[in-house]
């Protein structure tokens, strides 16, 4: 069963602390709502993460007091088993297989974001929210994969099946 998962870049997650934008409020609501009914549990939101991404979240947001900050959301999703964790080994294997010299020469994102490319492309739905244009270009142009990338929540069908 495909998880309803999404990758949220750190530059998007920072908007969770004091979301004034209704789009972010809707995204946060979708992430934190939980249905424990075994018949519909597969409809729950999952956040795609790696250890490096979680470390980025904590570096940026660990001090925030808001109940909607990404760290609080990660703790909730962890308790409910709703993190789609891509392991360091999976990232390494992906890079060994797909990051050929030809592909590496075409990448425009920085080294830190290159670690996130496998996280998105190994996720179930390959949905990503990011403000980083170079990271976006790398995801959209990565050979043999089709990702959906947007700058704002309303431009991605995250809450659809």
N, C-alpha and C. Protein backbone atom coordinates (compact mmCIF):
# COMPACT_ATOMS: atom_id res chain seq x y z
N UNK A 1 0.85 -1.19 0.00
CA UNK A 1 0.00 0.00 0.00
C UNK A 1 0.89 1.24 0.00
N UNK A 2 0.63 2.14 -0.90
CA UNK A 2 1.39 3.38 -1.00
C UNK A 2 1.07 4.31 0.16
N UNK A 3 2.12 4.81 0.78
CA UNK A 3 1.95 5.78 1.87
C UNK A 3 1.65 7.14 1.27
N UNK A 4 0.81 7.89 1.95
CA UNK A 4 0.54 9.28 1.55
C UNK A 4 1.65 10.12 2.17
N UNK A 5 2.81 10.09 1.50
CA UNK A 5 3.96 10.75 2.09
C UNK A 5 4.37 12.00 1.33
N UNK A 6 5.16 12.83 2.02
CA UNK A 6 5.66 14.07 1.44
C UNK A 6 6.99 14.43 2.09
N UNK A 7 7.90 14.97 1.30
CA UNK A 7 9.17 15.51 1.77
C UNK A 7 8.98 17.01 1.95
N UNK A 8 9.36 17.53 3.10
CA UNK A 8 9.25 18.96 3.36
C UNK A 8 10.63 19.49 3.69
N UNK A 9 11.17 20.31 2.79
CA UNK A 9 12.50 20.87 2.98
C UNK A 9 12.50 21.80 4.18
N UNK A 10 13.67 21.94 4.78
CA UNK A 10 13.83 22.79 5.95
C UNK A 10 13.39 24.23 5.67
N UNK A 11 13.59 24.71 4.45
CA UNK A 11 13.21 26.10 4.14
C UNK A 11 11.69 26.28 4.08
N UNK A 12 10.94 25.19 4.00
CA UNK A 12 9.47 25.22 4.09
C UNK A 12 9.04 25.01 5.55
N UNK A 13 9.69 24.07 6.22
CA UNK A 13 9.31 23.71 7.60
C UNK A 13 9.41 24.89 8.55
N UNK A 14 10.30 25.83 8.27
CA UNK A 14 10.43 27.00 9.15
C UNK A 14 9.14 27.81 9.18
N UNK A 15 8.30 27.67 8.17
CA UNK A 15 7.03 28.40 8.12
C UNK A 15 5.95 27.79 9.02
N UNK A 16 6.26 26.66 9.65
CA UNK A 16 5.28 25.99 10.49
C UNK A 16 5.09 26.64 11.85
N UNK A 17 6.10 27.34 12.35
CA UNK A 17 6.05 27.85 13.72
C UNK A 17 4.93 28.84 13.96
N UNK A 18 4.77 29.79 13.07
CA UNK A 18 3.71 30.78 13.19
C UNK A 18 3.00 30.91 11.84
N UNK A 19 2.30 29.85 11.44
CA UNK A 19 1.72 29.88 10.10
C UNK A 19 0.53 30.84 10.00
N UNK A 20 0.71 31.89 9.25
CA UNK A 20 -0.38 32.82 9.00
C UNK A 20 -1.11 32.41 7.73
N UNK A 21 -0.37 31.81 6.82
CA UNK A 21 -0.90 31.40 5.53
C UNK A 21 -1.85 30.20 5.71
N UNK A 22 -3.08 30.30 5.22
CA UNK A 22 -4.03 29.19 5.34
C UNK A 22 -3.52 27.90 4.69
N UNK A 23 -2.70 28.02 3.66
CA UNK A 23 -2.14 26.83 3.00
C UNK A 23 -1.29 26.02 3.97
N UNK A 24 -0.47 26.72 4.77
CA UNK A 24 0.38 26.03 5.74
C UNK A 24 -0.45 25.46 6.88
N UNK A 25 -1.48 26.19 7.28
CA UNK A 25 -2.37 25.66 8.33
C UNK A 25 -3.02 24.36 7.86
N UNK A 26 -3.45 24.33 6.60
CA UNK A 26 -4.08 23.12 6.05
C UNK A 26 -3.07 21.97 5.98
N UNK A 27 -1.84 22.25 5.55
CA UNK A 27 -0.79 21.23 5.47
C UNK A 27 -0.49 20.67 6.86
N UNK A 28 -0.34 21.55 7.84
CA UNK A 28 -0.06 21.11 9.21
C UNK A 28 -1.21 20.25 9.73
N UNK A 29 -2.43 20.68 9.50
CA UNK A 29 -3.61 19.91 9.93
C UNK A 29 -3.58 18.52 9.31
N UNK A 30 -3.27 18.45 8.01
CA UNK A 30 -3.20 17.16 7.31
C UNK A 30 -2.12 16.28 7.93
N UNK A 31 -0.98 16.87 8.27
CA UNK A 31 0.11 16.09 8.86
C UNK A 31 -0.24 15.55 10.24
N UNK A 32 -0.91 16.35 11.06
CA UNK A 32 -1.10 15.93 12.46
C UNK A 32 -2.38 15.14 12.70
N UNK A 33 -3.36 15.22 11.78
CA UNK A 33 -4.57 14.43 11.97
C UNK A 33 -4.23 12.95 11.86
N UNK A 34 -4.85 12.14 12.72
CA UNK A 34 -4.54 10.71 12.74
C UNK A 34 -5.82 9.90 12.90
N UNK A 35 -5.99 8.93 12.02
CA UNK A 35 -7.13 8.02 12.07
C UNK A 35 -6.58 6.64 12.41
N UNK A 36 -6.92 6.11 13.58
CA UNK A 36 -6.37 4.83 14.02
C UNK A 36 -7.19 3.63 13.54
N UNK A 37 -8.27 3.86 12.81
CA UNK A 37 -9.10 2.78 12.29
C UNK A 37 -8.27 1.94 11.31
N UNK A 38 -8.12 0.63 11.58
CA UNK A 38 -7.31 -0.22 10.70
C UNK A 38 -7.75 -0.20 9.23
N UNK A 39 -9.03 0.07 8.98
CA UNK A 39 -9.53 0.08 7.61
C UNK A 39 -9.07 1.31 6.83
N UNK A 40 -8.82 2.40 7.53
CA UNK A 40 -8.46 3.66 6.86
C UNK A 40 -7.10 4.21 7.28
N UNK A 41 -6.37 3.45 8.08
CA UNK A 41 -5.09 3.94 8.60
C UNK A 41 -4.11 4.30 7.47
N UNK A 42 -4.25 3.64 6.33
CA UNK A 42 -3.35 3.90 5.20
C UNK A 42 -3.57 5.30 4.60
N UNK A 43 -4.65 5.96 4.96
CA UNK A 43 -4.91 7.31 4.46
C UNK A 43 -4.18 8.40 5.25
N UNK A 44 -3.55 8.03 6.36
CA UNK A 44 -2.85 9.01 7.18
C UNK A 44 -1.62 9.56 6.47
N UNK A 45 -1.29 10.80 6.78
CA UNK A 45 -0.10 11.45 6.23
C UNK A 45 1.17 10.83 6.80
N UNK A 46 2.20 10.78 5.98
CA UNK A 46 3.54 10.36 6.40
C UNK A 46 4.52 11.43 5.95
N UNK A 47 5.51 11.69 6.77
CA UNK A 47 6.56 12.64 6.43
C UNK A 47 7.79 11.85 6.02
N UNK A 48 8.37 12.18 4.87
CA UNK A 48 9.58 11.51 4.39
C UNK A 48 10.77 12.22 5.01
N UNK A 49 11.63 11.47 5.69
CA UNK A 49 12.77 12.07 6.37
C UNK A 49 14.01 11.18 6.24
N UNK A 50 15.13 11.79 6.55
CA UNK A 50 16.40 11.09 6.72
C UNK A 50 17.01 11.64 8.00
N UNK A 51 18.07 10.99 8.48
CA UNK A 51 18.73 11.50 9.69
C UNK A 51 19.26 12.91 9.45
N UNK A 52 19.80 13.18 8.27
CA UNK A 52 20.35 14.50 7.98
C UNK A 52 19.25 15.56 7.96
N UNK A 53 18.10 15.23 7.40
CA UNK A 53 17.00 16.19 7.37
C UNK A 53 16.49 16.48 8.78
N UNK A 54 16.34 15.44 9.58
CA UNK A 54 15.89 15.63 10.97
C UNK A 54 16.90 16.52 11.71
N UNK A 55 18.19 16.30 11.49
CA UNK A 55 19.21 17.15 12.13
C UNK A 55 19.06 18.60 11.68
N UNK A 56 18.78 18.81 10.39
CA UNK A 56 18.55 20.18 9.89
C UNK A 56 17.35 20.81 10.59
N UNK A 57 16.26 20.05 10.69
CA UNK A 57 15.07 20.57 11.37
C UNK A 57 15.41 20.99 12.79
N UNK A 58 16.12 20.13 13.53
CA UNK A 58 16.45 20.42 14.92
C UNK A 58 17.38 21.62 15.04
N UNK A 59 18.35 21.75 14.13
CA UNK A 59 19.25 22.91 14.15
C UNK A 59 18.47 24.20 13.95
N UNK A 60 17.51 24.16 13.05
CA UNK A 60 16.77 25.37 12.70
C UNK A 60 15.62 25.64 13.66
N UNK A 61 14.89 24.58 14.06
CA UNK A 61 13.63 24.77 14.77
C UNK A 61 13.61 24.23 16.19
N UNK A 62 14.66 23.62 16.65
CA UNK A 62 14.65 22.98 17.96
C UNK A 62 14.32 23.90 19.11
N UNK A 63 14.56 25.19 18.94
CA UNK A 63 14.33 26.17 20.00
C UNK A 63 12.91 26.76 19.96
N UNK A 64 12.21 26.57 18.88
CA UNK A 64 10.89 27.22 18.71
C UNK A 64 9.89 26.66 19.71
N UNK A 65 9.08 27.52 20.26
CA UNK A 65 8.12 27.12 21.29
C UNK A 65 6.76 26.73 20.72
N UNK A 66 6.51 27.03 19.50
CA UNK A 66 5.20 26.77 18.91
C UNK A 66 4.86 25.29 18.89
N UNK A 67 3.59 24.98 19.15
CA UNK A 67 3.12 23.60 19.08
C UNK A 67 3.08 23.06 17.66
N UNK A 68 3.19 23.94 16.68
CA UNK A 68 3.16 23.50 15.29
C UNK A 68 4.54 23.39 14.67
N UNK A 69 5.59 23.54 15.45
CA UNK A 69 6.90 23.50 14.80
C UNK A 69 7.19 22.07 14.34
N UNK A 70 8.06 21.95 13.36
CA UNK A 70 8.32 20.66 12.71
C UNK A 70 8.86 19.62 13.69
N UNK A 71 9.59 20.07 14.71
CA UNK A 71 10.13 19.13 15.70
C UNK A 71 8.99 18.47 16.48
N UNK A 72 8.00 19.25 16.87
CA UNK A 72 6.83 18.73 17.59
C UNK A 72 6.06 17.76 16.68
N UNK A 73 5.91 18.14 15.42
CA UNK A 73 5.20 17.29 14.45
C UNK A 73 5.96 15.97 14.24
N UNK A 74 7.29 16.02 14.15
CA UNK A 74 8.08 14.80 13.99
C UNK A 74 7.91 13.89 15.19
N UNK A 75 7.92 14.46 16.40
CA UNK A 75 7.72 13.64 17.61
C UNK A 75 6.36 12.95 17.57
N UNK A 76 5.32 13.67 17.17
CA UNK A 76 3.99 13.09 17.07
C UNK A 76 3.96 11.97 16.03
N UNK A 77 4.49 12.24 14.85
CA UNK A 77 4.47 11.24 13.78
C UNK A 77 5.32 10.02 14.14
N UNK A 78 6.40 10.23 14.88
CA UNK A 78 7.23 9.11 15.34
C UNK A 78 6.41 8.20 16.26
N UNK A 79 5.69 8.79 17.21
CA UNK A 79 4.86 8.01 18.13
C UNK A 79 3.80 7.20 17.40
N UNK A 80 3.31 7.76 16.29
CA UNK A 80 2.23 7.10 15.54
C UNK A 80 2.76 6.26 14.38
N UNK A 81 4.07 6.14 14.25
CA UNK A 81 4.67 5.33 13.19
C UNK A 81 4.42 5.92 11.80
N UNK A 82 4.43 7.24 11.70
CA UNK A 82 4.11 7.88 10.42
C UNK A 82 5.27 8.66 9.80
N UNK A 83 6.49 8.20 10.09
CA UNK A 83 7.65 8.75 9.40
C UNK A 83 8.08 7.73 8.36
N UNK A 84 8.27 8.16 7.15
CA UNK A 84 8.83 7.30 6.11
C UNK A 84 10.33 7.60 6.12
N UNK A 85 11.05 6.82 6.92
CA UNK A 85 12.49 7.06 7.11
C UNK A 85 13.30 6.41 6.00
N UNK A 86 14.10 7.20 5.34
CA UNK A 86 15.03 6.70 4.34
C UNK A 86 16.39 6.64 5.04
N UNK A 87 16.93 5.44 5.15
CA UNK A 87 18.14 5.24 5.94
C UNK A 87 19.39 5.73 5.20
N UNK A 88 20.45 5.94 5.96
CA UNK A 88 21.73 6.33 5.37
C UNK A 88 22.21 5.28 4.37
N UNK A 89 21.97 3.99 4.68
CA UNK A 89 22.36 2.92 3.75
C UNK A 89 21.57 3.00 2.45
N UNK A 90 20.27 3.29 2.54
CA UNK A 90 19.45 3.44 1.33
C UNK A 90 19.94 4.61 0.49
N UNK A 91 20.29 5.71 1.14
CA UNK A 91 20.80 6.88 0.43
C UNK A 91 22.12 6.53 -0.26
N UNK A 92 22.99 5.86 0.46
CA UNK A 92 24.29 5.47 -0.10
C UNK A 92 24.11 4.55 -1.30
N UNK A 93 23.24 3.56 -1.18
CA UNK A 93 22.99 2.63 -2.29
C UNK A 93 22.42 3.36 -3.50
N UNK A 94 21.48 4.27 -3.26
CA UNK A 94 20.88 5.05 -4.34
C UNK A 94 21.96 5.85 -5.07
N UNK A 95 22.80 6.51 -4.31
CA UNK A 95 23.84 7.35 -4.91
C UNK A 95 24.83 6.51 -5.71
N UNK A 96 25.18 5.33 -5.19
CA UNK A 96 26.10 4.46 -5.91
C UNK A 96 25.49 4.00 -7.24
N UNK A 97 24.20 3.76 -7.23
CA UNK A 97 23.52 3.25 -8.44
C UNK A 97 23.20 4.35 -9.44
N UNK A 98 22.69 5.49 -8.97
CA UNK A 98 22.15 6.50 -9.87
C UNK A 98 23.00 7.76 -10.05
N UNK A 99 23.90 8.04 -9.13
CA UNK A 99 24.73 9.24 -9.26
C UNK A 99 25.95 8.92 -10.11
N UNK A 100 25.73 8.68 -11.37
CA UNK A 100 26.83 8.44 -12.29
C UNK A 100 27.58 9.76 -12.50
N UNK A 101 28.75 9.68 -13.09
CA UNK A 101 29.51 10.92 -13.36
C UNK A 101 28.70 11.86 -14.22
N UNK A 102 27.99 11.32 -15.20
CA UNK A 102 27.16 12.15 -16.09
C UNK A 102 26.08 12.88 -15.29
N UNK A 103 25.41 12.15 -14.39
CA UNK A 103 24.36 12.74 -13.56
C UNK A 103 24.96 13.79 -12.62
N UNK A 104 26.06 13.46 -11.98
CA UNK A 104 26.69 14.39 -11.03
C UNK A 104 27.08 15.71 -11.71
N UNK A 105 27.54 15.63 -12.94
CA UNK A 105 27.93 16.85 -13.67
C UNK A 105 26.72 17.75 -13.94
N UNK A 106 25.55 17.17 -14.05
CA UNK A 106 24.34 17.94 -14.35
C UNK A 106 23.67 18.52 -13.11
N UNK A 107 24.00 18.02 -11.94
CA UNK A 107 23.37 18.50 -10.71
C UNK A 107 23.78 19.94 -10.42
N UNK A 108 22.82 20.73 -9.98
CA UNK A 108 23.09 22.14 -9.69
C UNK A 108 22.97 22.47 -8.20
N UNK A 109 22.37 21.59 -7.42
CA UNK A 109 22.18 21.86 -5.99
C UNK A 109 23.49 21.69 -5.22
N UNK A 110 23.50 22.20 -4.00
CA UNK A 110 24.69 22.08 -3.15
C UNK A 110 24.80 20.66 -2.59
N UNK A 111 25.95 20.36 -1.99
CA UNK A 111 26.21 19.00 -1.48
C UNK A 111 25.17 18.55 -0.46
N UNK A 112 24.76 19.45 0.42
CA UNK A 112 23.79 19.10 1.45
C UNK A 112 22.46 18.68 0.82
N UNK A 113 22.01 19.42 -0.19
CA UNK A 113 20.76 19.08 -0.85
C UNK A 113 20.87 17.81 -1.69
N UNK A 114 22.05 17.52 -2.18
CA UNK A 114 22.24 16.28 -2.95
C UNK A 114 21.97 15.05 -2.10
N UNK A 115 22.16 15.20 -0.79
CA UNK A 115 21.83 14.10 0.13
C UNK A 115 20.33 13.90 0.24
N UNK A 116 19.56 14.93 -0.08
CA UNK A 116 18.10 14.84 0.02
C UNK A 116 17.45 14.31 -1.27
N UNK A 117 18.17 14.34 -2.37
CA UNK A 117 17.61 13.84 -3.64
C UNK A 117 17.16 12.39 -3.49
N UNK A 118 18.00 11.48 -2.97
CA UNK A 118 17.54 10.10 -2.80
C UNK A 118 16.36 9.97 -1.84
N UNK A 119 16.30 10.84 -0.84
CA UNK A 119 15.20 10.78 0.14
C UNK A 119 13.87 10.99 -0.58
N UNK A 120 13.81 12.00 -1.44
CA UNK A 120 12.59 12.26 -2.20
C UNK A 120 12.31 11.14 -3.19
N UNK A 121 13.33 10.75 -3.94
CA UNK A 121 13.12 9.79 -5.03
C UNK A 121 12.89 8.36 -4.54
N UNK A 122 13.24 8.07 -3.31
CA UNK A 122 12.94 6.76 -2.72
C UNK A 122 11.61 6.74 -1.97
N UNK A 123 10.97 7.89 -1.84
CA UNK A 123 9.68 7.95 -1.14
C UNK A 123 8.59 7.35 -2.03
N UNK A 124 7.46 7.06 -1.44
CA UNK A 124 6.38 6.41 -2.19
C UNK A 124 5.81 7.30 -3.29
N UNK A 125 5.52 8.55 -2.96
CA UNK A 125 4.86 9.42 -3.95
C UNK A 125 5.80 10.40 -4.65
N UNK A 126 7.00 10.56 -4.10
CA UNK A 126 7.99 11.47 -4.69
C UNK A 126 7.47 12.91 -4.76
N UNK A 127 6.82 13.34 -3.68
CA UNK A 127 6.33 14.71 -3.53
C UNK A 127 7.30 15.48 -2.66
N UNK A 128 7.62 16.71 -3.06
CA UNK A 128 8.52 17.53 -2.27
C UNK A 128 8.06 18.98 -2.27
N UNK A 129 8.16 19.60 -1.12
CA UNK A 129 7.94 21.05 -0.98
C UNK A 129 9.29 21.67 -0.66
N UNK A 130 9.71 22.62 -1.48
CA UNK A 130 10.98 23.31 -1.27
C UNK A 130 10.95 24.67 -1.95
N UNK A 131 11.72 25.58 -1.41
CA UNK A 131 11.87 26.90 -2.03
C UNK A 131 13.17 26.98 -2.84
N UNK A 132 13.99 25.95 -2.75
CA UNK A 132 15.30 25.94 -3.39
C UNK A 132 15.17 25.58 -4.87
N UNK A 133 15.46 26.54 -5.73
CA UNK A 133 15.27 26.32 -7.17
C UNK A 133 16.25 25.32 -7.75
N UNK A 134 17.48 25.28 -7.26
CA UNK A 134 18.46 24.33 -7.78
C UNK A 134 18.11 22.90 -7.35
N UNK A 135 17.67 22.74 -6.12
CA UNK A 135 17.22 21.43 -5.64
C UNK A 135 16.00 20.98 -6.44
N UNK A 136 15.08 21.90 -6.69
CA UNK A 136 13.89 21.61 -7.50
C UNK A 136 14.30 21.14 -8.89
N UNK A 137 15.20 21.86 -9.52
CA UNK A 137 15.65 21.49 -10.87
C UNK A 137 16.28 20.10 -10.88
N UNK A 138 17.09 19.80 -9.87
CA UNK A 138 17.72 18.47 -9.81
C UNK A 138 16.68 17.37 -9.66
N UNK A 139 15.67 17.60 -8.84
CA UNK A 139 14.61 16.59 -8.66
C UNK A 139 13.80 16.40 -9.94
N UNK A 140 13.43 17.50 -10.57
CA UNK A 140 12.59 17.41 -11.78
C UNK A 140 13.33 16.84 -12.98
N UNK A 141 14.65 16.99 -13.01
CA UNK A 141 15.43 16.54 -14.16
C UNK A 141 16.22 15.27 -13.90
N UNK A 142 16.00 14.63 -12.75
CA UNK A 142 16.77 13.43 -12.44
C UNK A 142 16.32 12.29 -13.34
N UNK A 143 17.28 11.66 -14.05
CA UNK A 143 16.91 10.61 -15.01
C UNK A 143 16.20 9.41 -14.36
N UNK A 144 15.21 8.88 -15.05
CA UNK A 144 14.47 7.66 -14.67
C UNK A 144 13.51 7.84 -13.50
N UNK A 145 13.33 9.04 -13.01
CA UNK A 145 12.41 9.29 -11.90
C UNK A 145 11.51 10.48 -12.24
N UNK A 146 10.30 10.44 -11.69
CA UNK A 146 9.38 11.56 -11.86
C UNK A 146 8.94 12.04 -10.48
N UNK A 147 9.38 13.23 -10.15
CA UNK A 147 9.01 13.82 -8.86
C UNK A 147 8.05 14.97 -9.09
N UNK A 148 7.24 15.24 -8.08
CA UNK A 148 6.36 16.41 -8.08
C UNK A 148 6.91 17.36 -7.03
N UNK A 149 7.29 18.55 -7.47
CA UNK A 149 7.95 19.50 -6.58
C UNK A 149 7.22 20.84 -6.67
N UNK A 150 7.02 21.48 -5.51
CA UNK A 150 6.32 22.76 -5.49
C UNK A 150 6.91 23.65 -4.41
N UNK A 151 6.64 24.96 -4.54
CA UNK A 151 7.09 25.93 -3.55
C UNK A 151 6.04 26.18 -2.48
N UNK A 152 4.78 25.90 -2.81
CA UNK A 152 3.73 26.12 -1.82
C UNK A 152 2.79 24.92 -1.79
N UNK A 153 2.23 24.65 -0.63
CA UNK A 153 1.41 23.46 -0.45
C UNK A 153 0.26 23.32 -1.46
N UNK A 154 -0.34 24.43 -1.86
CA UNK A 154 -1.49 24.34 -2.76
C UNK A 154 -1.11 23.86 -4.17
N UNK A 155 0.18 23.85 -4.48
CA UNK A 155 0.63 23.42 -5.82
C UNK A 155 0.99 21.95 -5.90
N UNK A 156 0.68 21.21 -4.86
CA UNK A 156 0.99 19.77 -4.83
C UNK A 156 -0.22 19.04 -4.25
N UNK A 157 -0.65 17.94 -4.83
CA UNK A 157 -1.85 17.26 -4.35
C UNK A 157 -1.57 16.33 -3.15
N UNK A 158 -0.90 16.85 -2.13
CA UNK A 158 -0.46 16.04 -1.00
C UNK A 158 -1.59 15.34 -0.28
N UNK A 159 -2.77 15.95 -0.22
CA UNK A 159 -3.86 15.36 0.55
C UNK A 159 -4.77 14.45 -0.30
N UNK A 160 -4.39 14.21 -1.54
CA UNK A 160 -5.15 13.31 -2.41
C UNK A 160 -4.60 11.90 -2.32
N UNK A 161 -5.38 10.95 -2.81
CA UNK A 161 -4.92 9.54 -2.76
C UNK A 161 -3.84 9.28 -3.76
